[in-house]
Amino acid sequence: MTDLPSHHMIYGSLADFVTGEPLLDTDDERYRQKLARLLVEERGFAKSELTMRRKIETLFARQFVASKIDIVVSIAGQRVMLVRYGPGSLVTRERPALAAARILEESQLIPLTLVSNGEDAELLDSRTGKVLGAGLAAIPSREAIVALLPALDFSPVAQERREPELRILNAFDGEACCAGGPCALPGAKEG
């Protein structure tokens, strides 16, 4: 086990399924890798259609936040689905994932949003927030998304909606290490 300060159990390292990049082996990363494998091996996407580990940086009220976007799925260069992993309840993951899908690309909305805790999932319409399907079985195949392409709305959100969506990401994804008190981890910045 690696001896690095962290709030996560680190088992060593692993190679990213899509990129081959070395990553810390944590329980959360294992679930992210499980989702990437499912998209490729069971849902028919090519590894080249998955972009791993994008981020959106925000700064509001002196709080800098780097929001993680686990996977962005593209077909023929068009971003079609944003995937965010988070442990626990899916409903608490919906709003920041929708905000990310709405603003990650300035030129387009990513029309489908998938939130998953690795054991369950919800597929959402990124524009309306409506749940389109629940459970891992609701994760669409490449073929299903290709069939949906003519009906998907890629038009970007209005410029005046970008900042509110960025603020939502900042509020939901901010981490308060140790609830604002001193962090017990050696070498870690105080919360």
C-alpha atoms as a PDB file:
ATOM      1  CA  MET A   1       0.000   0.000   0.000  1.00  0.00           C
ATOM      2  CA  THR A   2       1.341   3.440  -0.926  1.00  0.00           C
ATOM      3  CA  ASP A   3       2.197   5.724   1.987  1.00  0.00           C
ATOM      4  CA  LEU A   4       0.734   9.030   0.745  1.00  0.00           C
ATOM      5  CA  PRO A   5      -1.444  11.421   2.746  1.00  0.00           C
ATOM      6  CA  SER A   6      -5.025  10.926   1.587  1.00  0.00           C
ATOM      7  CA  HIS A   7      -8.561  10.522   2.785  1.00  0.00           C
ATOM      8  CA  HIS A   8      -8.827   7.451   0.547  1.00  0.00           C
ATOM      9  CA  MET A   9      -7.405   3.989   0.988  1.00  0.00           C
ATOM     10  CA  ILE A  10      -4.641   3.686  -1.615  1.00  0.00           C
ATOM     11  CA  TYR A  11      -3.797   0.168  -2.738  1.00  0.00           C
ATOM     12  CA  GLY A  12      -0.940   1.099  -5.059  1.00  0.00           C
ATOM     13  CA  SER A  13      -1.307   2.083  -8.672  1.00  0.00           C
ATOM     14  CA  LEU A  14      -3.261   0.886 -11.687  1.00  0.00           C
ATOM     15  CA  ALA A  15      -3.232   1.632 -15.400  1.00  0.00           C
ATOM     16  CA  ASP A  16      -6.167   3.601 -16.792  1.00  0.00           C
ATOM     17  CA  PHE A  17      -8.231   1.271 -18.985  1.00  0.00           C
ATOM     18  CA  VAL A  18      -8.629   3.885 -21.723  1.00  0.00           C
ATOM     19  CA  THR A  19      -5.332   5.789 -21.744  1.00  0.00           C
ATOM     20  CA  GLY A  20      -2.912   3.429 -20.010  1.00  0.00           C
ATOM     21  CA  GLU A  21      -1.904   6.338 -17.751  1.00  0.00           C
ATOM     22  CA  PRO A  22      -0.786   5.271 -14.238  1.00  0.00           C
ATOM     23  CA  LEU A  23      -3.297   6.272 -11.549  1.00  0.00           C
ATOM     24  CA  LEU A  24      -3.604   5.807  -7.803  1.00  0.00           C
ATOM     25  CA  ASP A  25      -5.534   2.621  -7.078  1.00  0.00           C
ATOM     26  CA  THR A  26      -8.442   3.642  -4.832  1.00  0.00           C
ATOM     27  CA  ASP A  27     -11.941   2.266  -4.415  1.00  0.00           C
ATOM     28  CA  ASP A  28     -13.329   5.289  -6.289  1.00  0.00           C
ATOM     29  CA  GLU A  29     -10.881   4.859  -9.164  1.00  0.00           C
ATOM     30  CA  ARG A  30     -11.811   1.183  -9.440  1.00  0.00           C
ATOM     31  CA  TYR A  31     -15.431   2.205  -9.969  1.00  0.00           C
ATOM     32  CA  ARG A  32     -14.419   4.782 -12.601  1.00  0.00           C
ATOM     33  CA  GLN A  33     -12.449   2.094 -14.420  1.00  0.00           C
ATOM     34  CA  LYS A  34     -15.435  -0.260 -14.164  1.00  0.00           C
ATOM     35  CA  LEU A  35     -17.609   2.371 -15.882  1.00  0.00           C
ATOM     36  CA  ALA A  36     -15.047   2.898 -18.660  1.00  0.00           C
ATOM     37  CA  ARG A  37     -14.816  -0.865 -19.230  1.00  0.00           C
ATOM     38  CA  LEU A  38     -18.602  -1.166 -19.341  1.00  0.00           C
ATOM     39  CA  LEU A  39     -18.830   1.588 -21.967  1.00  0.00           C
ATOM     40  CA  VAL A  40     -16.234  -0.105 -24.177  1.00  0.00           C
ATOM     41  CA  GLU A  41     -16.745  -3.823 -23.581  1.00  0.00           C
ATOM     42  CA  GLU A  42     -20.530  -3.929 -23.139  1.00  0.00           C
ATOM     43  CA  ARG A  43     -21.899  -0.758 -24.747  1.00  0.00           C
ATOM     44  CA  GLY A  44     -19.764  -0.763 -27.890  1.00  0.00           C
ATOM     45  CA  PHE A  45     -17.874   2.531 -27.640  1.00  0.00           C
ATOM     46  CA  ALA A  46     -14.290   2.697 -28.875  1.00  0.00           C
ATOM     47  CA  LYS A  47     -11.670   3.773 -26.362  1.00  0.00           C
ATOM     48  CA  SER A  48     -10.915   6.665 -28.712  1.00  0.00           C
ATOM     49  CA  GLU A  49     -14.492   7.918 -28.168  1.00  0.00           C
ATOM     50  CA  LEU A  50     -13.904   8.343 -24.422  1.00  0.00           C
ATOM     51  CA  THR A  51     -12.095  11.356 -23.010  1.00  0.00           C
ATOM     52  CA  MET A  52     -11.001  10.768 -19.449  1.00  0.00           C
ATOM     53  CA  ARG A  53     -10.540  13.217 -16.577  1.00  0.00           C
ATOM     54  CA  ARG A  54     -11.665  16.590 -17.897  1.00  0.00           C
ATOM     55  CA  LYS A  55     -12.150  19.372 -15.380  1.00  0.00           C
ATOM     56  CA  ILE A  56     -13.870  22.696 -14.949  1.00  0.00           C
ATOM     57  CA  GLU A  57     -12.202  25.257 -12.694  1.00  0.00           C
ATOM     58  CA  THR A  58     -14.248  27.864 -10.846  1.00  0.00           C
ATOM     59  CA  LEU A  59     -13.520  30.652  -8.384  1.00  0.00           C
ATOM     60  CA  PHE A  60     -16.380  32.285  -6.499  1.00  0.00           C
ATOM     61  CA  ALA A  61     -16.346  33.905  -3.060  1.00  0.00           C
ATOM     62  CA  ARG A  62     -12.618  33.136  -2.774  1.00  0.00           C
ATOM     63  CA  GLN A  63     -13.321  29.403  -3.145  1.00  0.00           C
ATOM     64  CA  PHE A  64     -11.376  27.748  -5.961  1.00  0.00           C
ATOM     65  CA  VAL A  65     -12.839  24.427  -7.081  1.00  0.00           C
ATOM     66  CA  ALA A  66     -11.635  22.006  -9.757  1.00  0.00           C
ATOM     67  CA  SER A  67     -14.705  19.939 -10.709  1.00  0.00           C
ATOM     68  CA  LYS A  68     -13.843  16.525 -12.117  1.00  0.00           C
ATOM     69  CA  ILE A  69     -15.563  15.204 -15.218  1.00  0.00           C
ATOM     70  CA  ASP A  70     -14.788  11.492 -15.245  1.00  0.00           C
ATOM     71  CA  ILE A  71     -15.669  10.614 -18.853  1.00  0.00           C
ATOM     72  CA  VAL A  72     -16.924  12.497 -21.895  1.00  0.00           C
ATOM     73  CA  VAL A  73     -18.281  10.258 -24.643  1.00  0.00           C
ATOM     74  CA  SER A  74     -18.057  11.455 -28.255  1.00  0.00           C
ATOM     75  CA  ILE A  75     -19.340  10.070 -31.533  1.00  0.00           C
ATOM     76  CA  ALA A  76     -17.823  11.422 -34.757  1.00  0.00           C
ATOM     77  CA  GLY A  77     -16.283  14.305 -32.823  1.00  0.00           C
ATOM     78  CA  GLN A  78     -19.616  15.326 -31.270  1.00  0.00           C
ATOM     79  CA  ARG A  79     -19.763  15.154 -27.460  1.00  0.00           C
ATOM     80  CA  VAL A  80     -22.903  13.201 -26.631  1.00  0.00           C
ATOM     81  CA  MET A  81     -22.691  12.060 -22.997  1.00  0.00           C
ATOM     82  CA  LEU A  82     -20.996  13.268 -19.842  1.00  0.00           C
ATOM     83  CA  VAL A  83     -20.319  10.694 -17.116  1.00  0.00           C
ATOM     84  CA  ARG A  84     -19.731  11.607 -13.479  1.00  0.00           C
ATOM     85  CA  TYR A  85     -18.990   9.107 -10.772  1.00  0.00           C
ATOM     86  CA  GLY A  86     -19.578   9.745  -7.092  1.00  0.00           C
ATOM     87  CA  PRO A  87     -20.065   7.441  -4.131  1.00  0.00           C
ATOM     88  CA  GLY A  88     -23.389   7.412  -2.353  1.00  0.00           C
ATOM     89  CA  SER A  89     -26.767   8.758  -3.390  1.00  0.00           C
ATOM     90  CA  LEU A  90     -27.289   9.481  -7.083  1.00  0.00           C
ATOM     91  CA  VAL A  91     -29.801  12.264  -6.512  1.00  0.00           C
ATOM     92  CA  THR A  92     -27.085  14.365  -4.841  1.00  0.00           C
ATOM     93  CA  ARG A  93     -24.919  13.920  -7.946  1.00  0.00           C
ATOM     94  CA  GLU A  94     -27.530  15.019 -10.493  1.00  0.00           C
ATOM     95  CA  ARG A  95     -27.386  18.819 -10.263  1.00  0.00           C
ATOM     96  CA  PRO A  96     -23.617  19.346 -10.507  1.00  0.00           C
ATOM     97  CA  ALA A  97     -23.380  16.754 -13.301  1.00  0.00           C
ATOM     98  CA  LEU A  98     -26.088  18.590 -15.255  1.00  0.00           C
ATOM     99  CA  ALA A  99     -24.281  21.899 -14.715  1.00  0.00           C
ATOM    100  CA  ALA A 100     -21.080  20.341 -16.083  1.00  0.00           C
ATOM    101  CA  ALA A 101     -22.867  18.958 -19.156  1.00  0.00           C
ATOM    102  CA  ARG A 102     -24.366  22.360 -19.828  1.00  0.00           C
ATOM    103  CA  ILE A 103     -21.114  24.325 -19.729  1.00  0.00           C
ATOM    104  CA  LEU A 104     -18.119  22.028 -20.303  1.00  0.00           C
ATOM    105  CA  GLU A 105     -18.113  22.967 -23.992  1.00  0.00           C
ATOM    106  CA  GLU A 106     -18.937  26.577 -24.749  1.00  0.00           C
ATOM    107  CA  SER A 107     -20.067  25.715 -28.289  1.00  0.00           C
ATOM    108  CA  GLN A 108     -22.527  22.980 -27.332  1.00  0.00           C
ATOM    109  CA  LEU A 109     -24.578  21.352 -24.624  1.00  0.00           C
ATOM    110  CA  ILE A 110     -23.658  17.722 -23.989  1.00  0.00           C
ATOM    111  CA  PRO A 111     -27.203  16.343 -24.310  1.00  0.00           C
ATOM    112  CA  LEU A 112     -26.949  13.240 -22.109  1.00  0.00           C
ATOM    113  CA  THR A 113     -25.676  13.100 -18.537  1.00  0.00           C
ATOM    114  CA  LEU A 114     -24.928   9.884 -16.678  1.00  0.00           C
ATOM    115  CA  VAL A 115     -24.420   9.851 -12.911  1.00  0.00           C
ATOM    116  CA  SER A 116     -23.257   6.664 -11.257  1.00  0.00           C
ATOM    117  CA  ASN A 117     -21.965   5.388  -7.945  1.00  0.00           C
ATOM    118  CA  GLY A 118     -20.560   2.314  -9.683  1.00  0.00           C
ATOM    119  CA  GLU A 119     -23.412   0.084  -8.556  1.00  0.00           C
ATOM    120  CA  ASP A 120     -26.330   2.146  -9.835  1.00  0.00           C
ATOM    121  CA  ALA A 121     -26.805   4.848 -12.468  1.00  0.00           C
ATOM    122  CA  GLU A 122     -29.204   7.469 -13.798  1.00  0.00           C
ATOM    123  CA  LEU A 123     -29.328   8.757 -17.349  1.00  0.00           C
ATOM    124  CA  LEU A 124     -30.530  12.362 -17.560  1.00  0.00           C
ATOM    125  CA  ASP A 125     -31.588  14.775 -20.272  1.00  0.00           C
ATOM    126  CA  SER A 126     -28.992  17.522 -19.770  1.00  0.00           C
ATOM    127  CA  ARG A 127     -31.279  20.358 -20.838  1.00  0.00           C
ATOM    128  CA  THR A 128     -34.342  19.467 -18.736  1.00  0.00           C
ATOM    129  CA  GLY A 129     -32.801  17.372 -15.961  1.00  0.00           C
ATOM    130  CA  LYS A 130     -35.426  14.694 -16.577  1.00  0.00           C
ATOM    131  CA  VAL A 131     -34.386  11.153 -15.616  1.00  0.00           C
ATOM    132  CA  LEU A 132     -34.483   9.084 -18.813  1.00  0.00           C
ATOM    133  CA  GLY A 133     -33.539   5.787 -17.219  1.00  0.00           C
ATOM    134  CA  ALA A 134     -32.293   4.243 -13.995  1.00  0.00           C
ATOM    135  CA  GLY A 135     -29.935   1.390 -13.189  1.00  0.00           C
ATOM    136  CA  LEU A 136     -26.761   0.273 -14.923  1.00  0.00           C
ATOM    137  CA  ALA A 137     -28.955  -1.180 -17.678  1.00  0.00           C
ATOM    138  CA  ALA A 138     -30.008   2.421 -18.530  1.00  0.00           C
ATOM    139  CA  ILE A 139     -26.470   3.228 -19.701  1.00  0.00           C
ATOM    140  CA  PRO A 140     -27.037   3.535 -23.447  1.00  0.00           C
ATOM    141  CA  SER A 141     -25.083   1.622 -26.046  1.00  0.00           C
ATOM    142  CA  ARG A 142     -23.247   3.375 -28.835  1.00  0.00           C
ATOM    143  CA  GLU A 143     -25.889   2.071 -31.237  1.00  0.00           C
ATOM    144  CA  ALA A 144     -28.707   3.518 -29.112  1.00  0.00           C
ATOM    145  CA  ILE A 145     -27.057   6.951 -28.998  1.00  0.00           C
ATOM    146  CA  VAL A 146     -26.429   6.913 -32.756  1.00  0.00           C
ATOM    147  CA  ALA A 147     -30.160   6.247 -33.225  1.00  0.00           C
ATOM    148  CA  LEU A 148     -30.958   9.181 -30.902  1.00  0.00           C
ATOM    149  CA  LEU A 149     -28.572  11.664 -32.576  1.00  0.00           C
ATOM    150  CA  PRO A 150     -31.159  13.337 -34.850  1.00  0.00           C
ATOM    151  CA  ALA A 151     -33.396  14.060 -31.840  1.00  0.00           C
ATOM    152  CA  LEU A 152     -30.665  15.295 -29.452  1.00  0.00           C
ATOM    153  CA  ASP A 153     -30.417  19.008 -28.730  1.00  0.00           C
ATOM    154  CA  PHE A 154     -26.787  20.180 -28.816  1.00  0.00           C
ATOM    155  CA  SER A 155     -27.520  23.926 -28.812  1.00  0.00           C
ATOM    156  CA  PRO A 156     -25.474  25.679 -26.126  1.00  0.00           C
ATOM    157  CA  VAL A 157     -27.040  27.160 -23.025  1.00  0.00           C
ATOM    158  CA  ALA A 158     -27.664  30.883 -23.150  1.00  0.00           C
ATOM    159  CA  GLN A 159     -24.590  32.922 -22.247  1.00  0.00           C
ATOM    160  CA  GLU A 160     -26.366  34.374 -19.199  1.00  0.00           C
ATOM    161  CA  ARG A 161     -26.882  30.820 -17.840  1.00  0.00           C
ATOM    162  CA  ARG A 162     -23.169  29.951 -17.874  1.00  0.00           C
ATOM    163  CA  GLU A 163     -22.203  31.772 -14.677  1.00  0.00           C
ATOM    164  CA  PRO A 164     -25.098  30.346 -12.612  1.00  0.00           C
ATOM    165  CA  GLU A 165     -24.136  26.839 -13.764  1.00  0.00           C
ATOM    166  CA  LEU A 166     -20.492  27.526 -12.853  1.00  0.00           C
ATOM    167  CA  ARG A 167     -21.621  28.715  -9.420  1.00  0.00           C
ATOM    168  CA  ILE A 168     -23.589  25.490  -8.954  1.00  0.00           C
ATOM    169  CA  LEU A 169     -20.463  23.449  -9.704  1.00  0.00           C
ATOM    170  CA  ASN A 170     -18.434  25.568  -7.307  1.00  0.00           C
ATOM    171  CA  ALA A 171     -20.976  25.125  -4.502  1.00  0.00           C
ATOM    172  CA  PHE A 172     -21.572  21.392  -4.975  1.00  0.00           C
ATOM    173  CA  ASP A 173     -17.989  20.325  -5.678  1.00  0.00           C
ATOM    174  CA  GLY A 174     -16.162  22.403  -3.058  1.00  0.00           C
ATOM    175  CA  GLU A 175     -14.414  20.208  -0.527  1.00  0.00           C
ATOM    176  CA  ALA A 176     -14.113  21.339   3.052  1.00  0.00           C
ATOM    177  CA  CYS A 177     -11.240  19.268   4.359  1.00  0.00           C
ATOM    178  CA  CYS A 178     -11.957  18.147   7.896  1.00  0.00           C
ATOM    179  CA  ALA A 179     -15.021  20.411   8.133  1.00  0.00           C
ATOM    180  CA  GLY A 180     -12.973  23.596   8.214  1.00  0.00           C
ATOM    181  CA  GLY A 181     -10.664  22.495  11.000  1.00  0.00           C
ATOM    182  CA  PRO A 182      -7.018  21.491  10.816  1.00  0.00           C
ATOM    183  CA  CYS A 183      -6.443  18.501   8.570  1.00  0.00           C
ATOM    184  CA  ALA A 184      -5.036  15.544  10.482  1.00  0.00           C
ATOM    185  CA  LEU A 185      -3.063  14.306   7.514  1.00  0.00           C
ATOM    186  CA  PRO A 186       0.662  15.018   7.707  1.00  0.00           C
ATOM    187  CA  GLY A 187       1.699  17.627   5.156  1.00  0.00           C
ATOM    188  CA  ALA A 188      -1.871  18.385   4.077  1.00  0.00           C
ATOM    189  CA  LYS A 189      -3.076  21.978   3.947  1.00  0.00           C
ATOM    190  CA  GLU A 190      -5.351  22.969   6.763  1.00  0.00           C
ATOM    191  CA  GLY A 191      -9.056  23.134   5.982  1.00  0.00           C
END
